[in-house]
Amino acid sequence: MNRRTLLAFLASLFAPPVFAQKTVNEAGTVDLVEGAVTVQRADKSRYTPKVGDTLNEGDGITTGKDSEIHLKMVDGGLVAVRPDTKMRIAQYQATGEATDRSTLGLLEGGMRVVSGWIASVNPKGYQIRTSIATIGIRGTDHETQVRLKDDGEDGAGIYDRVFAGGTFIKSKDGRVDVTPNRVGFFGSKKGAKPMLIDRVPRFYRGTRNENRIEGLHGRLQGQLPKLREERRARLKEAAEKKGKRHPKRD
């Protein structure tokens, strides 16, 4: 990727959402954190997260070597941010409505995602954005990796490995659909097109916390409709209580 493209993506990835002043959408809570992890809020403040902390739309995450953070998302999904990663929760809304959305920006490194109800109710609104391509998600367990350098065996570019469900990699140069047990790749060299590769790159080796993710996709499927309805009920109740505290004036 060229410098201009990278700088433009950086600006969009870490710019605060245009609607941040209207509301702050809760995205998820920290379920696990190990090593050097930093969260940058939309107001540019930084802090070290701990289990139970809430992360919001607009927050960015940076992990160091041998570091990891797992987020339990409001829609029931899970995001496991791998070591040496920079990502941002660019857009997130999980109110239980058809307009719910999730856009995660990935600058470098990787994250494994088990999607929640948003991918079911609004597939077009659920994606992972990188500087050169978009990963579309259709109810899945997958891991996206952004490799900025060619390491001699695996080229620089975007990789997406599917464990369950399905994804696609889309760029201005084409699209490839990725099915379970396959890896999609889109190289950063000029003229490259999204494609499937016939092996799993060696950097897909997981972490010691992989047992927390394995099988989660299957266990979640029957729970998502209930979780969605519970979320809608809680928000409705909160709105009604707020209305009682602040009655409309004549």
Protein backbone atom coordinates (compact mmCIF):
# COMPACT_ATOMS: atom_id res chain seq x y z
CA MET A 1 0.00 0.00 0.00
CA ASN A 2 1.34 3.45 -0.82
CA ARG A 3 1.99 6.16 1.74
CA ARG A 4 -0.96 8.33 0.64
CA THR A 5 -3.42 5.44 0.97
CA LEU A 6 -2.06 4.51 4.38
CA LEU A 7 -2.22 8.08 5.70
CA ALA A 8 -5.79 8.52 4.45
CA PHE A 9 -6.84 5.30 6.16
CA LEU A 10 -5.12 6.31 9.37
CA ALA A 11 -7.04 9.58 9.36
CA SER A 12 -10.37 7.82 8.89
CA LEU A 13 -9.54 5.04 11.36
CA PHE A 14 -8.69 7.26 14.31
CA ALA A 15 -10.95 10.25 13.61
CA PRO A 16 -13.81 10.49 16.11
CA PRO A 17 -17.27 9.55 14.72
CA VAL A 18 -19.21 12.52 13.40
CA PHE A 19 -22.12 11.71 15.71
CA ALA A 20 -20.00 11.35 18.86
CA GLN A 21 -21.40 14.54 20.35
CA LYS A 22 -25.00 13.29 20.06
CA THR A 23 -24.61 9.94 21.78
CA VAL A 24 -22.02 7.41 22.90
CA ASN A 25 -22.88 3.91 21.72
CA GLU A 26 -21.67 1.13 23.99
CA ALA A 27 -19.84 -1.53 21.98
CA GLY A 28 -18.75 -4.15 24.49
CA THR A 29 -16.99 -5.02 27.73
CA VAL A 30 -13.49 -6.32 28.35
CA ASP A 31 -13.65 -10.07 28.98
CA LEU A 32 -9.90 -10.76 29.06
CA VAL A 33 -6.76 -8.62 28.94
CA GLU A 34 -3.14 -9.73 29.02
CA GLY A 35 0.09 -7.81 28.59
CA ALA A 36 0.51 -4.27 27.24
CA VAL A 37 -2.86 -3.06 25.95
CA THR A 38 -3.88 0.57 25.46
CA VAL A 39 -7.29 2.03 24.66
CA GLN A 40 -7.60 5.43 23.02
CA ARG A 41 -10.94 7.18 23.50
CA ALA A 42 -12.56 9.35 20.85
CA ASP A 43 -11.34 12.42 22.78
CA LYS A 44 -7.73 11.15 22.33
CA SER A 45 -7.28 10.23 26.02
CA ARG A 46 -5.55 6.91 26.68
CA TYR A 47 -5.78 4.33 29.46
CA THR A 48 -4.94 0.73 30.31
CA PRO A 49 -8.12 -1.39 30.25
CA LYS A 50 -9.12 -4.01 32.81
CA VAL A 51 -11.70 -6.79 32.83
CA GLY A 52 -15.21 -5.39 33.10
CA ASP A 53 -14.42 -2.03 31.47
CA THR A 54 -16.83 -0.74 28.83
CA LEU A 55 -15.57 0.15 25.36
CA ASN A 56 -17.54 2.43 23.07
CA GLU A 57 -17.92 3.31 19.45
CA GLY A 58 -14.91 5.40 18.47
CA ASP A 59 -12.44 3.68 20.81
CA GLY A 60 -9.13 2.43 19.42
CA ILE A 61 -7.06 -0.48 20.74
CA THR A 62 -3.32 -1.09 20.52
CA THR A 63 -1.76 -4.35 21.74
CA GLY A 64 1.93 -5.02 22.31
CA LYS A 65 4.00 -8.14 21.79
CA ASP A 66 2.50 -11.21 23.51
CA SER A 67 -0.54 -9.10 24.49
CA GLU A 68 -4.23 -9.72 23.84
CA ILE A 69 -7.66 -8.37 24.70
CA HIS A 70 -11.07 -10.02 24.29
CA LEU A 71 -14.23 -7.94 23.99
CA LYS A 72 -17.68 -9.33 24.70
CA MET A 73 -19.78 -7.30 22.28
CA VAL A 74 -23.23 -5.92 23.04
CA ASP A 75 -24.78 -8.02 20.24
CA GLY A 76 -23.47 -11.23 21.81
CA GLY A 77 -20.38 -11.56 19.62
CA LEU A 78 -16.71 -11.69 20.56
CA VAL A 79 -13.68 -9.79 19.26
CA ALA A 80 -10.25 -11.18 20.19
CA VAL A 81 -7.56 -8.60 19.37
CA ARG A 82 -4.24 -10.34 18.72
CA PRO A 83 -0.70 -9.24 19.71
CA ASP A 84 0.94 -6.33 17.83
CA THR A 85 -2.36 -5.00 16.56
CA LYS A 86 -3.88 -1.58 15.97
CA MET A 87 -7.65 -1.46 15.47
CA ARG A 88 -10.64 0.78 16.11
CA ILE A 89 -14.36 0.36 16.73
CA ALA A 90 -15.24 2.78 13.94
CA GLN A 91 -19.03 2.36 14.10
CA TYR A 92 -21.19 0.37 16.46
CA GLN A 93 -24.90 0.30 17.23
CA ALA A 94 -26.64 -2.65 18.85
CA THR A 95 -30.18 -1.61 19.79
CA GLY A 96 -31.87 -4.72 18.44
CA GLU A 97 -33.18 -2.91 15.36
CA ALA A 98 -32.65 -3.61 11.65
CA THR A 99 -30.38 -0.55 11.47
CA ASP A 100 -27.80 -2.01 13.85
CA ARG A 101 -24.24 -1.84 12.50
CA SER A 102 -20.65 -2.80 13.28
CA THR A 103 -17.59 -1.48 11.44
CA LEU A 104 -14.18 -2.42 12.81
CA GLY A 105 -11.09 -0.75 11.37
CA LEU A 106 -7.90 -2.82 11.28
CA LEU A 107 -4.64 -0.99 10.57
CA GLU A 108 -2.20 -3.81 11.28
CA GLY A 109 -2.07 -7.10 13.14
CA GLY A 110 -5.06 -9.36 13.56
CA MET A 111 -8.32 -10.10 15.30
CA ARG A 112 -10.56 -13.12 15.50
CA VAL A 113 -14.25 -12.28 15.39
CA VAL A 114 -17.27 -14.37 16.32
CA SER A 115 -20.21 -12.34 15.08
CA GLY A 116 -23.38 -11.64 17.06
CA TRP A 117 -26.90 -10.70 15.97
CA ILE A 118 -25.87 -7.66 13.89
CA ALA A 119 -24.46 -9.91 11.17
CA SER A 120 -27.85 -11.66 11.00
CA VAL A 121 -30.20 -8.66 11.01
CA ASN A 122 -28.05 -6.32 8.90
CA PRO A 123 -25.29 -8.20 7.03
CA LYS A 124 -24.41 -5.18 4.88
CA GLY A 125 -23.81 -3.14 8.02
CA TYR A 126 -21.29 -5.61 9.47
CA GLN A 127 -17.73 -5.35 8.12
CA ILE A 128 -14.04 -5.03 8.82
CA ARG A 129 -12.27 -2.22 6.98
CA THR A 130 -8.60 -2.09 6.06
CA SER A 131 -6.67 0.42 3.99
CA ILE A 132 -7.02 -1.60 0.77
CA ALA A 133 -10.05 -3.86 1.14
CA THR A 134 -13.22 -4.61 3.10
CA ILE A 135 -14.12 -7.90 4.78
CA GLY A 136 -17.83 -8.66 4.65
CA ILE A 137 -19.23 -10.94 7.33
CA ARG A 138 -22.21 -13.26 7.10
CA GLY A 139 -22.66 -14.81 10.55
CA THR A 140 -19.27 -16.29 11.13
CA ASP A 141 -16.17 -17.14 13.14
CA HIS A 142 -13.12 -15.85 11.29
CA GLU A 143 -9.76 -14.15 11.73
CA THR A 144 -8.49 -11.19 9.70
CA GLN A 145 -4.79 -10.39 9.53
CA VAL A 146 -3.20 -7.27 8.03
CA ARG A 147 0.44 -7.92 7.18
CA LEU A 148 2.33 -4.74 6.32
CA LYS A 149 5.56 -6.49 5.29
CA ASP A 150 6.53 -9.47 3.15
CA ASP A 151 8.28 -11.91 5.49
CA GLY A 152 9.76 -14.03 2.71
CA GLU A 153 7.10 -16.73 2.96
CA ASP A 154 3.84 -14.78 3.22
CA GLY A 155 3.32 -11.60 1.23
CA ALA A 156 2.13 -8.25 2.53
CA GLY A 157 -1.61 -7.76 2.34
CA ILE A 158 -4.95 -8.81 3.83
CA TYR A 159 -5.64 -12.37 4.95
CA ASP A 160 -8.94 -13.79 6.18
CA ARG A 161 -9.32 -17.29 7.59
CA VAL A 162 -12.83 -18.70 8.12
CA PHE A 163 -13.50 -21.22 10.89
CA ALA A 164 -17.31 -21.26 10.51
CA GLY A 165 -19.86 -19.40 8.40
CA GLY A 166 -18.54 -17.30 5.54
CA THR A 167 -16.88 -14.00 4.63
CA PHE A 168 -15.75 -12.19 1.51
CA ILE A 169 -12.84 -9.90 0.69
CA LYS A 170 -13.83 -7.03 -1.59
CA SER A 171 -11.70 -4.33 -3.19
CA LYS A 172 -11.95 -2.12 -6.25
CA ASP A 173 -10.12 -4.91 -8.11
CA GLY A 174 -12.53 -7.74 -7.33
CA ARG A 175 -14.03 -10.02 -4.72
CA VAL A 176 -13.48 -13.51 -3.35
CA ASP A 177 -15.80 -15.53 -1.10
CA VAL A 178 -14.16 -17.40 1.76
CA THR A 179 -15.72 -20.60 3.10
CA PRO A 180 -14.91 -22.66 6.23
CA ASN A 181 -11.34 -23.96 6.48
CA ARG A 182 -10.16 -21.66 3.69
CA VAL A 183 -8.04 -18.51 3.67
CA GLY A 184 -8.64 -15.51 1.43
CA PHE A 185 -5.83 -13.15 0.46
CA PHE A 186 -5.53 -9.76 -1.19
CA GLY A 187 -1.97 -8.63 -1.79
CA SER A 188 -0.93 -5.02 -1.48
CA LYS A 189 1.05 -5.05 -4.75
CA LYS A 190 -0.36 -3.14 -7.70
CA GLY A 191 -2.62 -5.25 -9.91
CA ALA A 192 -3.38 -7.86 -7.22
CA LYS A 193 -6.88 -9.32 -6.95
CA PRO A 194 -8.59 -11.03 -4.00
CA MET A 195 -8.03 -14.78 -4.16
CA LEU A 196 -8.09 -18.01 -2.17
CA ILE A 197 -4.80 -19.59 -1.15
CA ASP A 198 -4.21 -23.32 -0.73
CA ARG A 199 -2.65 -23.28 2.73
CA VAL A 200 -2.99 -21.71 6.17
CA PRO A 201 -0.10 -19.24 6.74
CA ARG A 202 2.10 -20.01 9.72
CA PHE A 203 1.17 -16.78 11.54
CA TYR A 204 -2.29 -18.29 12.15
CA ARG A 205 -1.15 -20.12 15.26
CA GLY A 206 -3.61 -18.77 17.82
CA THR A 207 -2.79 -17.89 21.42
CA ARG A 208 -2.98 -19.68 24.75
CA ASN A 209 -6.53 -18.28 25.13
CA GLU A 210 -7.88 -20.00 22.03
CA ASN A 211 -9.95 -22.41 24.12
CA ARG A 212 -12.16 -19.45 25.10
CA ILE A 213 -13.14 -19.01 21.45
CA GLU A 214 -13.37 -22.54 20.10
CA GLY A 215 -16.98 -23.67 19.70
CA LEU A 216 -18.41 -20.27 20.66
CA HIS A 217 -19.95 -19.68 17.24
CA GLY A 218 -22.06 -22.83 17.50
CA ARG A 219 -23.10 -22.18 21.09
CA LEU A 220 -24.21 -18.64 20.28
CA GLN A 221 -26.51 -19.34 17.36
CA GLY A 222 -29.55 -20.37 19.38
CA GLN A 223 -29.03 -17.58 21.92
CA LEU A 224 -28.81 -14.56 19.61
CA PRO A 225 -32.55 -13.96 19.08
CA LYS A 226 -33.11 -13.97 22.85
CA LEU A 227 -30.13 -11.69 23.48
CA ARG A 228 -31.46 -9.27 20.89
CA GLU A 229 -34.93 -9.13 22.44
CA GLU A 230 -33.46 -8.67 25.92
CA ARG A 231 -31.39 -5.74 24.63
CA ARG A 232 -34.46 -4.11 23.07
CA ALA A 233 -36.43 -4.57 26.30
CA ARG A 234 -33.67 -3.02 28.44
CA LEU A 235 -33.36 0.01 26.18
CA LYS A 236 -37.14 0.48 26.12
CA GLU A 237 -37.31 0.29 29.91
CA ALA A 238 -34.45 2.78 30.27
CA ALA A 239 -36.17 5.20 27.86
CA GLU A 240 -39.44 4.95 29.77
CA LYS A 241 -37.71 5.64 33.10
CA LYS A 242 -35.92 8.62 31.60
CA GLY A 243 -39.22 9.94 30.28
CA LYS A 244 -40.80 9.71 33.74
CA ARG A 245 -37.90 11.61 35.30
CA HIS A 246 -38.12 14.32 32.65
CA PRO A 247 -41.81 14.74 31.71
CA LYS A 248 -42.61 16.84 28.69
CA ARG A 249 -43.66 20.41 29.38
CA ASP A 250 -46.84 21.85 27.96
